[in-house]
Amino acid sequence: MSALDLAAVVAAVASLAVVAVLALVVVRLARTTQELADTLAEVRDEALPALREATATVREAGDEVERVGEILDAAEALSHRVDGASKAAYVALSRPVIKTAAAASGAQRAARRLRGRD
């Protein structure tokens, strides 16, 4: 066997080793790709329904916020009406009540003077 034959055998063995290592890398890469595809399928199966549910919940919450806003607007309008009615009642009743109290106080003083209890 000559040196050239020995070099050819070594090159063939080295090439075979490189092919074996590359085959092993390709197999592992294929497994990793399959695991990634499986994980992606699981995420898709679980995340999409959750996302749909979250979207529906956000819409419902928006509707509730709108409804609460309408209730607050109605309560504010009612508060303004009650405030206006309260002011009107105060204006309408305060003067007669004050005059009646003054008249009663004056009548009480007059009654005391007439009885002589000054």
N, C-alpha and C. Protein backbone atom coordinates (compact mmCIF):
# COMPACT_ATOMS: atom_id res chain seq x y z
N MET A 1 0.84 -1.16 0.00
CA MET A 1 0.00 0.00 0.00
C MET A 1 0.89 1.23 0.00
N SER A 2 0.55 2.10 -0.87
CA SER A 2 1.37 3.29 -1.01
C SER A 2 0.81 4.41 -0.16
N ALA A 3 1.53 5.47 -0.06
CA ALA A 3 1.10 6.63 0.72
C ALA A 3 -0.16 7.24 0.13
N LEU A 4 -0.28 7.17 -1.16
CA LEU A 4 -1.46 7.72 -1.84
C LEU A 4 -2.69 6.89 -1.51
N ASP A 5 -2.53 5.59 -1.45
CA ASP A 5 -3.64 4.72 -1.08
C ASP A 5 -4.04 4.96 0.38
N LEU A 6 -3.03 5.10 1.23
CA LEU A 6 -3.30 5.37 2.65
C LEU A 6 -4.01 6.71 2.82
N ALA A 7 -3.61 7.72 2.10
CA ALA A 7 -4.26 9.03 2.16
C ALA A 7 -5.70 8.94 1.67
N ALA A 8 -5.92 8.14 0.65
CA ALA A 8 -7.28 7.97 0.13
C ALA A 8 -8.17 7.27 1.14
N VAL A 9 -7.64 6.27 1.84
CA VAL A 9 -8.41 5.56 2.86
C VAL A 9 -8.72 6.50 4.02
N VAL A 10 -7.72 7.26 4.46
CA VAL A 10 -7.94 8.21 5.56
C VAL A 10 -8.96 9.25 5.15
N ALA A 11 -8.88 9.75 3.94
CA ALA A 11 -9.84 10.74 3.46
C ALA A 11 -11.23 10.14 3.38
N ALA A 12 -11.34 8.89 2.96
CA ALA A 12 -12.64 8.23 2.87
C ALA A 12 -13.23 8.03 4.26
N VAL A 13 -12.40 7.61 5.22
CA VAL A 13 -12.88 7.42 6.60
C VAL A 13 -13.28 8.76 7.20
N ALA A 14 -12.48 9.79 6.96
CA ALA A 14 -12.81 11.12 7.48
C ALA A 14 -14.10 11.63 6.85
N SER A 15 -14.27 11.40 5.57
CA SER A 15 -15.50 11.82 4.89
C SER A 15 -16.70 11.07 5.45
N LEU A 16 -16.51 9.79 5.69
CA LEU A 16 -17.59 8.98 6.27
C LEU A 16 -17.96 9.50 7.67
N ALA A 17 -16.94 9.87 8.46
CA ALA A 17 -17.19 10.42 9.80
C ALA A 17 -17.94 11.74 9.71
N VAL A 18 -17.56 12.60 8.78
CA VAL A 18 -18.24 13.88 8.60
C VAL A 18 -19.68 13.66 8.17
N VAL A 19 -19.90 12.71 7.27
CA VAL A 19 -21.27 12.40 6.82
C VAL A 19 -22.09 11.88 7.99
N ALA A 20 -21.50 11.03 8.83
CA ALA A 20 -22.22 10.50 10.00
C ALA A 20 -22.56 11.62 10.97
N VAL A 21 -21.65 12.53 11.22
CA VAL A 21 -21.91 13.66 12.13
C VAL A 21 -23.00 14.56 11.54
N LEU A 22 -22.90 14.82 10.24
CA LEU A 22 -23.93 15.65 9.59
C LEU A 22 -25.29 14.97 9.62
N ALA A 23 -25.32 13.67 9.45
CA ALA A 23 -26.59 12.93 9.53
C ALA A 23 -27.18 13.04 10.93
N LEU A 24 -26.32 12.92 11.94
CA LEU A 24 -26.78 13.06 13.33
C LEU A 24 -27.33 14.46 13.58
N VAL A 25 -26.65 15.48 13.08
CA VAL A 25 -27.11 16.87 13.23
C VAL A 25 -28.45 17.05 12.53
N VAL A 26 -28.60 16.49 11.34
CA VAL A 26 -29.86 16.62 10.60
C VAL A 26 -30.99 15.93 11.35
N VAL A 27 -30.74 14.77 11.93
CA VAL A 27 -31.76 14.05 12.69
C VAL A 27 -32.19 14.87 13.90
N ARG A 28 -31.21 15.40 14.63
CA ARG A 28 -31.56 16.23 15.81
C ARG A 28 -32.30 17.49 15.39
N LEU A 29 -31.88 18.09 14.29
CA LEU A 29 -32.57 19.28 13.79
C LEU A 29 -34.00 18.95 13.39
N ALA A 30 -34.22 17.80 12.80
CA ALA A 30 -35.57 17.37 12.43
C ALA A 30 -36.43 17.17 13.67
N ARG A 31 -35.86 16.55 14.72
CA ARG A 31 -36.60 16.36 15.98
C ARG A 31 -36.96 17.71 16.61
N THR A 32 -35.99 18.61 16.62
CA THR A 32 -36.24 19.93 17.20
C THR A 32 -37.31 20.67 16.41
N THR A 33 -37.25 20.56 15.10
CA THR A 33 -38.26 21.21 14.26
C THR A 33 -39.64 20.62 14.53
N GLN A 34 -39.73 19.30 14.71
CA GLN A 34 -41.01 18.66 15.00
C GLN A 34 -41.53 19.09 16.37
N GLU A 35 -40.65 19.17 17.36
CA GLU A 35 -41.06 19.64 18.69
C GLU A 35 -41.56 21.08 18.63
N LEU A 36 -40.86 21.89 17.86
CA LEU A 36 -41.29 23.28 17.68
C LEU A 36 -42.65 23.36 17.02
N ALA A 37 -42.87 22.52 16.02
CA ALA A 37 -44.17 22.49 15.35
C ALA A 37 -45.27 22.04 16.30
N ASP A 38 -44.98 21.03 17.14
CA ASP A 38 -45.96 20.55 18.12
C ASP A 38 -46.28 21.64 19.14
N THR A 39 -45.23 22.31 19.61
CA THR A 39 -45.44 23.39 20.59
C THR A 39 -46.25 24.52 19.98
N LEU A 40 -45.96 24.85 18.75
CA LEU A 40 -46.72 25.90 18.06
C LEU A 40 -48.19 25.50 17.91
N ALA A 41 -48.43 24.24 17.61
CA ALA A 41 -49.81 23.76 17.49
C ALA A 41 -50.53 23.85 18.83
N GLU A 42 -49.84 23.50 19.92
CA GLU A 42 -50.45 23.60 21.26
C GLU A 42 -50.77 25.06 21.60
N VAL A 43 -49.83 25.93 21.31
CA VAL A 43 -50.05 27.36 21.59
C VAL A 43 -51.24 27.86 20.78
N ARG A 44 -51.29 27.47 19.53
CA ARG A 44 -52.39 27.89 18.67
C ARG A 44 -53.72 27.37 19.21
N ASP A 45 -53.74 26.09 19.64
CA ASP A 45 -54.96 25.49 20.15
C ASP A 45 -55.42 26.12 21.45
N GLU A 46 -54.48 26.56 22.28
CA GLU A 46 -54.85 27.12 23.59
C GLU A 46 -54.96 28.64 23.55
N ALA A 47 -54.11 29.29 22.80
CA ALA A 47 -54.06 30.76 22.83
C ALA A 47 -55.20 31.39 22.04
N LEU A 48 -55.55 30.82 20.92
CA LEU A 48 -56.60 31.44 20.10
C LEU A 48 -57.95 31.45 20.80
N PRO A 49 -58.39 30.34 21.42
CA PRO A 49 -59.65 30.43 22.18
C PRO A 49 -59.57 31.42 23.35
N ALA A 50 -58.41 31.43 24.02
CA ALA A 50 -58.25 32.38 25.13
C ALA A 50 -58.30 33.81 24.62
N LEU A 51 -57.71 34.05 23.48
CA LEU A 51 -57.74 35.39 22.89
C LEU A 51 -59.15 35.77 22.49
N ARG A 52 -59.90 34.83 21.92
CA ARG A 52 -61.30 35.11 21.57
C ARG A 52 -62.12 35.43 22.82
N GLU A 53 -61.89 34.65 23.89
CA GLU A 53 -62.61 34.87 25.14
C GLU A 53 -62.24 36.22 25.75
N ALA A 54 -60.97 36.57 25.70
CA ALA A 54 -60.53 37.86 26.23
C ALA A 54 -61.13 39.00 25.43
N THR A 55 -61.21 38.83 24.12
CA THR A 55 -61.81 39.87 23.27
C THR A 55 -63.28 40.05 23.62
N ALA A 56 -63.99 38.94 23.81
CA ALA A 56 -65.41 39.02 24.18
C ALA A 56 -65.57 39.69 25.55
N THR A 57 -64.69 39.36 26.48
CA THR A 57 -64.76 39.95 27.81
C THR A 57 -64.49 41.45 27.76
N VAL A 58 -63.54 41.85 26.94
CA VAL A 58 -63.24 43.29 26.81
C VAL A 58 -64.43 44.02 26.20
N ARG A 59 -65.08 43.41 25.22
CA ARG A 59 -66.27 44.04 24.63
C ARG A 59 -67.38 44.19 25.67
N GLU A 60 -67.60 43.12 26.45
CA GLU A 60 -68.63 43.17 27.50
C GLU A 60 -68.29 44.25 28.52
N ALA A 61 -67.03 44.34 28.89
CA ALA A 61 -66.61 45.37 29.85
C ALA A 61 -66.85 46.76 29.27
N GLY A 62 -66.56 46.94 28.00
CA GLY A 62 -66.81 48.23 27.35
C GLY A 62 -68.29 48.57 27.38
N ASP A 63 -69.15 47.57 27.11
CA ASP A 63 -70.60 47.81 27.17
C ASP A 63 -71.03 48.19 28.58
N GLU A 64 -70.46 47.51 29.58
CA GLU A 64 -70.80 47.82 30.98
C GLU A 64 -70.33 49.22 31.36
N VAL A 65 -69.15 49.59 30.90
CA VAL A 65 -68.65 50.94 31.20
C VAL A 65 -69.57 51.98 30.57
N GLU A 66 -70.02 51.71 29.35
CA GLU A 66 -70.94 52.64 28.70
C GLU A 66 -72.25 52.74 29.47
N ARG A 67 -72.74 51.59 29.93
CA ARG A 67 -74.00 51.57 30.70
C ARG A 67 -73.83 52.32 32.02
N VAL A 68 -72.72 52.11 32.69
CA VAL A 68 -72.46 52.81 33.96
C VAL A 68 -72.35 54.31 33.70
N GLY A 69 -71.74 54.68 32.58
CA GLY A 69 -71.66 56.10 32.23
C GLY A 69 -73.04 56.72 32.05
N GLU A 70 -73.94 55.98 31.41
CA GLU A 70 -75.31 56.47 31.24
C GLU A 70 -76.01 56.60 32.59
N ILE A 71 -75.78 55.63 33.48
CA ILE A 71 -76.39 55.70 34.81
C ILE A 71 -75.85 56.90 35.58
N LEU A 72 -74.55 57.15 35.47
CA LEU A 72 -73.96 58.31 36.15
C LEU A 72 -74.51 59.62 35.59
N ASP A 73 -74.69 59.68 34.27
CA ASP A 73 -75.28 60.87 33.66
C ASP A 73 -76.69 61.10 34.18
N ALA A 74 -77.47 60.03 34.27
CA ALA A 74 -78.84 60.15 34.79
C ALA A 74 -78.82 60.57 36.25
N ALA A 75 -77.91 60.02 37.04
CA ALA A 75 -77.82 60.40 38.46
C ALA A 75 -77.41 61.86 38.60
N GLU A 76 -76.51 62.30 37.75
CA GLU A 76 -76.09 63.70 37.80
C GLU A 76 -77.24 64.64 37.44
N ALA A 77 -78.01 64.27 36.41
CA ALA A 77 -79.16 65.09 36.03
C ALA A 77 -80.18 65.12 37.16
N LEU A 78 -80.41 63.98 37.81
CA LEU A 78 -81.35 63.92 38.93
C LEU A 78 -80.84 64.77 40.09
N SER A 79 -79.55 64.73 40.33
CA SER A 79 -78.96 65.54 41.39
C SER A 79 -79.18 67.03 41.12
N HIS A 80 -79.00 67.44 39.88
CA HIS A 80 -79.23 68.85 39.54
C HIS A 80 -80.70 69.23 39.74
N ARG A 81 -81.59 68.32 39.37
CA ARG A 81 -83.02 68.61 39.55
C ARG A 81 -83.37 68.72 41.03
N VAL A 82 -82.84 67.79 41.83
CA VAL A 82 -83.12 67.83 43.27
C VAL A 82 -82.52 69.09 43.88
N ASP A 83 -81.35 69.47 43.45
CA ASP A 83 -80.71 70.68 43.95
C ASP A 83 -81.55 71.90 43.60
N GLY A 84 -82.04 71.94 42.36
CA GLY A 84 -82.90 73.06 41.95
C GLY A 84 -84.20 73.09 42.74
N ALA A 85 -84.80 71.92 42.95
CA ALA A 85 -86.03 71.85 43.72
C ALA A 85 -85.78 72.25 45.17
N SER A 86 -84.66 71.86 45.72
CA SER A 86 -84.31 72.23 47.09
C SER A 86 -84.15 73.73 47.23
N LYS A 87 -83.48 74.35 46.26
CA LYS A 87 -83.32 75.80 46.30
C LYS A 87 -84.66 76.50 46.17
N ALA A 88 -85.50 75.98 45.27
CA ALA A 88 -86.82 76.58 45.09
C ALA A 88 -87.65 76.46 46.37
N ALA A 89 -87.58 75.28 47.01
CA ALA A 89 -88.32 75.09 48.26
C ALA A 89 -87.78 76.02 49.34
N TYR A 90 -86.49 76.18 49.41
CA TYR A 90 -85.89 77.07 50.40
C TYR A 90 -86.35 78.51 50.19
N VAL A 91 -86.30 78.94 48.94
CA VAL A 91 -86.72 80.32 48.64
C VAL A 91 -88.21 80.49 48.93
N ALA A 92 -89.00 79.49 48.55
CA ALA A 92 -90.45 79.60 48.73
C ALA A 92 -90.86 79.53 50.19
N LEU A 93 -90.16 78.75 51.00
CA LEU A 93 -90.60 78.52 52.37
C LEU A 93 -89.84 79.33 53.42
N SER A 94 -88.65 79.79 53.11
CA SER A 94 -87.86 80.44 54.15
C SER A 94 -88.47 81.76 54.60
N ARG A 95 -88.91 82.58 53.70
CA ARG A 95 -89.49 83.87 54.11
C ARG A 95 -90.77 83.70 54.92
N PRO A 96 -91.74 82.90 54.49
CA PRO A 96 -92.93 82.72 55.32
C PRO A 96 -92.63 82.12 56.68
N VAL A 97 -91.68 81.18 56.74
CA VAL A 97 -91.34 80.56 58.03
C VAL A 97 -90.70 81.60 58.94
N ILE A 98 -89.79 82.41 58.39
CA ILE A 98 -89.15 83.46 59.19
C ILE A 98 -90.18 84.46 59.67
N LYS A 99 -91.10 84.85 58.78
CA LYS A 99 -92.13 85.81 59.18
C LYS A 99 -93.05 85.22 60.24
N THR A 100 -93.39 83.95 60.11
CA THR A 100 -94.25 83.30 61.10
C THR A 100 -93.53 83.21 62.44
N ALA A 101 -92.25 82.87 62.42
CA ALA A 101 -91.49 82.79 63.66
C ALA A 101 -91.37 84.17 64.31
N ALA A 102 -91.17 85.19 63.49
CA ALA A 102 -91.08 86.55 64.03
C ALA A 102 -92.42 86.98 64.62
N ALA A 103 -93.49 86.65 63.91
CA ALA A 103 -94.82 87.00 64.42
C ALA A 103 -95.12 86.28 65.73
N ALA A 104 -94.74 85.02 65.82
CA ALA A 104 -94.98 84.25 67.04
C ALA A 104 -94.15 84.82 68.18
N SER A 105 -92.91 85.18 67.89
CA SER A 105 -92.06 85.77 68.93
C SER A 105 -92.64 87.11 69.40
N GLY A 106 -93.10 87.89 68.42
CA GLY A 106 -93.71 89.18 68.79
C GLY A 106 -94.99 88.99 69.58
N ALA A 107 -95.79 88.02 69.21
CA ALA A 107 -97.03 87.74 69.94
C ALA A 107 -96.72 87.26 71.35
N GLN A 108 -95.66 86.48 71.49
CA GLN A 108 -95.28 86.00 72.82
C GLN A 108 -94.83 87.15 73.70
N ARG A 109 -94.07 88.07 73.17
CA ARG A 109 -93.65 89.25 73.93
C ARG A 109 -94.84 90.11 74.32
N ALA A 110 -95.73 90.28 73.34
CA ALA A 110 -96.92 91.09 73.63
C ALA A 110 -97.75 90.45 74.73
N ALA A 111 -97.87 89.13 74.68
CA ALA A 111 -98.65 88.43 75.70
C ALA A 111 -98.00 88.57 77.07
N ARG A 112 -96.67 88.52 77.13
CA ARG A 112 -95.97 88.70 78.40
C ARG A 112 -96.18 90.11 78.94
N ARG A 113 -96.11 91.07 78.08
CA ARG A 113 -96.29 92.47 78.53
C ARG A 113 -97.72 92.70 79.02
N LEU A 114 -98.66 92.08 78.30
CA LEU A 114 -100.05 92.27 78.72
C LEU A 114 -100.28 91.59 80.08
N ARG A 115 -99.60 90.53 80.35
CA ARG A 115 -99.77 89.86 81.63
C ARG A 115 -98.98 90.56 82.71
N GLY A 116 -98.09 91.40 82.32
CA GLY A 116 -97.31 92.17 83.27
C GLY A 116 -96.03 91.49 83.70
N ARG A 117 -95.52 90.65 82.94
CA ARG A 117 -94.29 89.93 83.27
C ARG A 117 -93.09 90.52 82.54
N ASP A 118 -93.01 91.60 82.32
CA ASP A 118 -91.96 92.24 81.52
C ASP A 118 -90.62 91.92 81.93
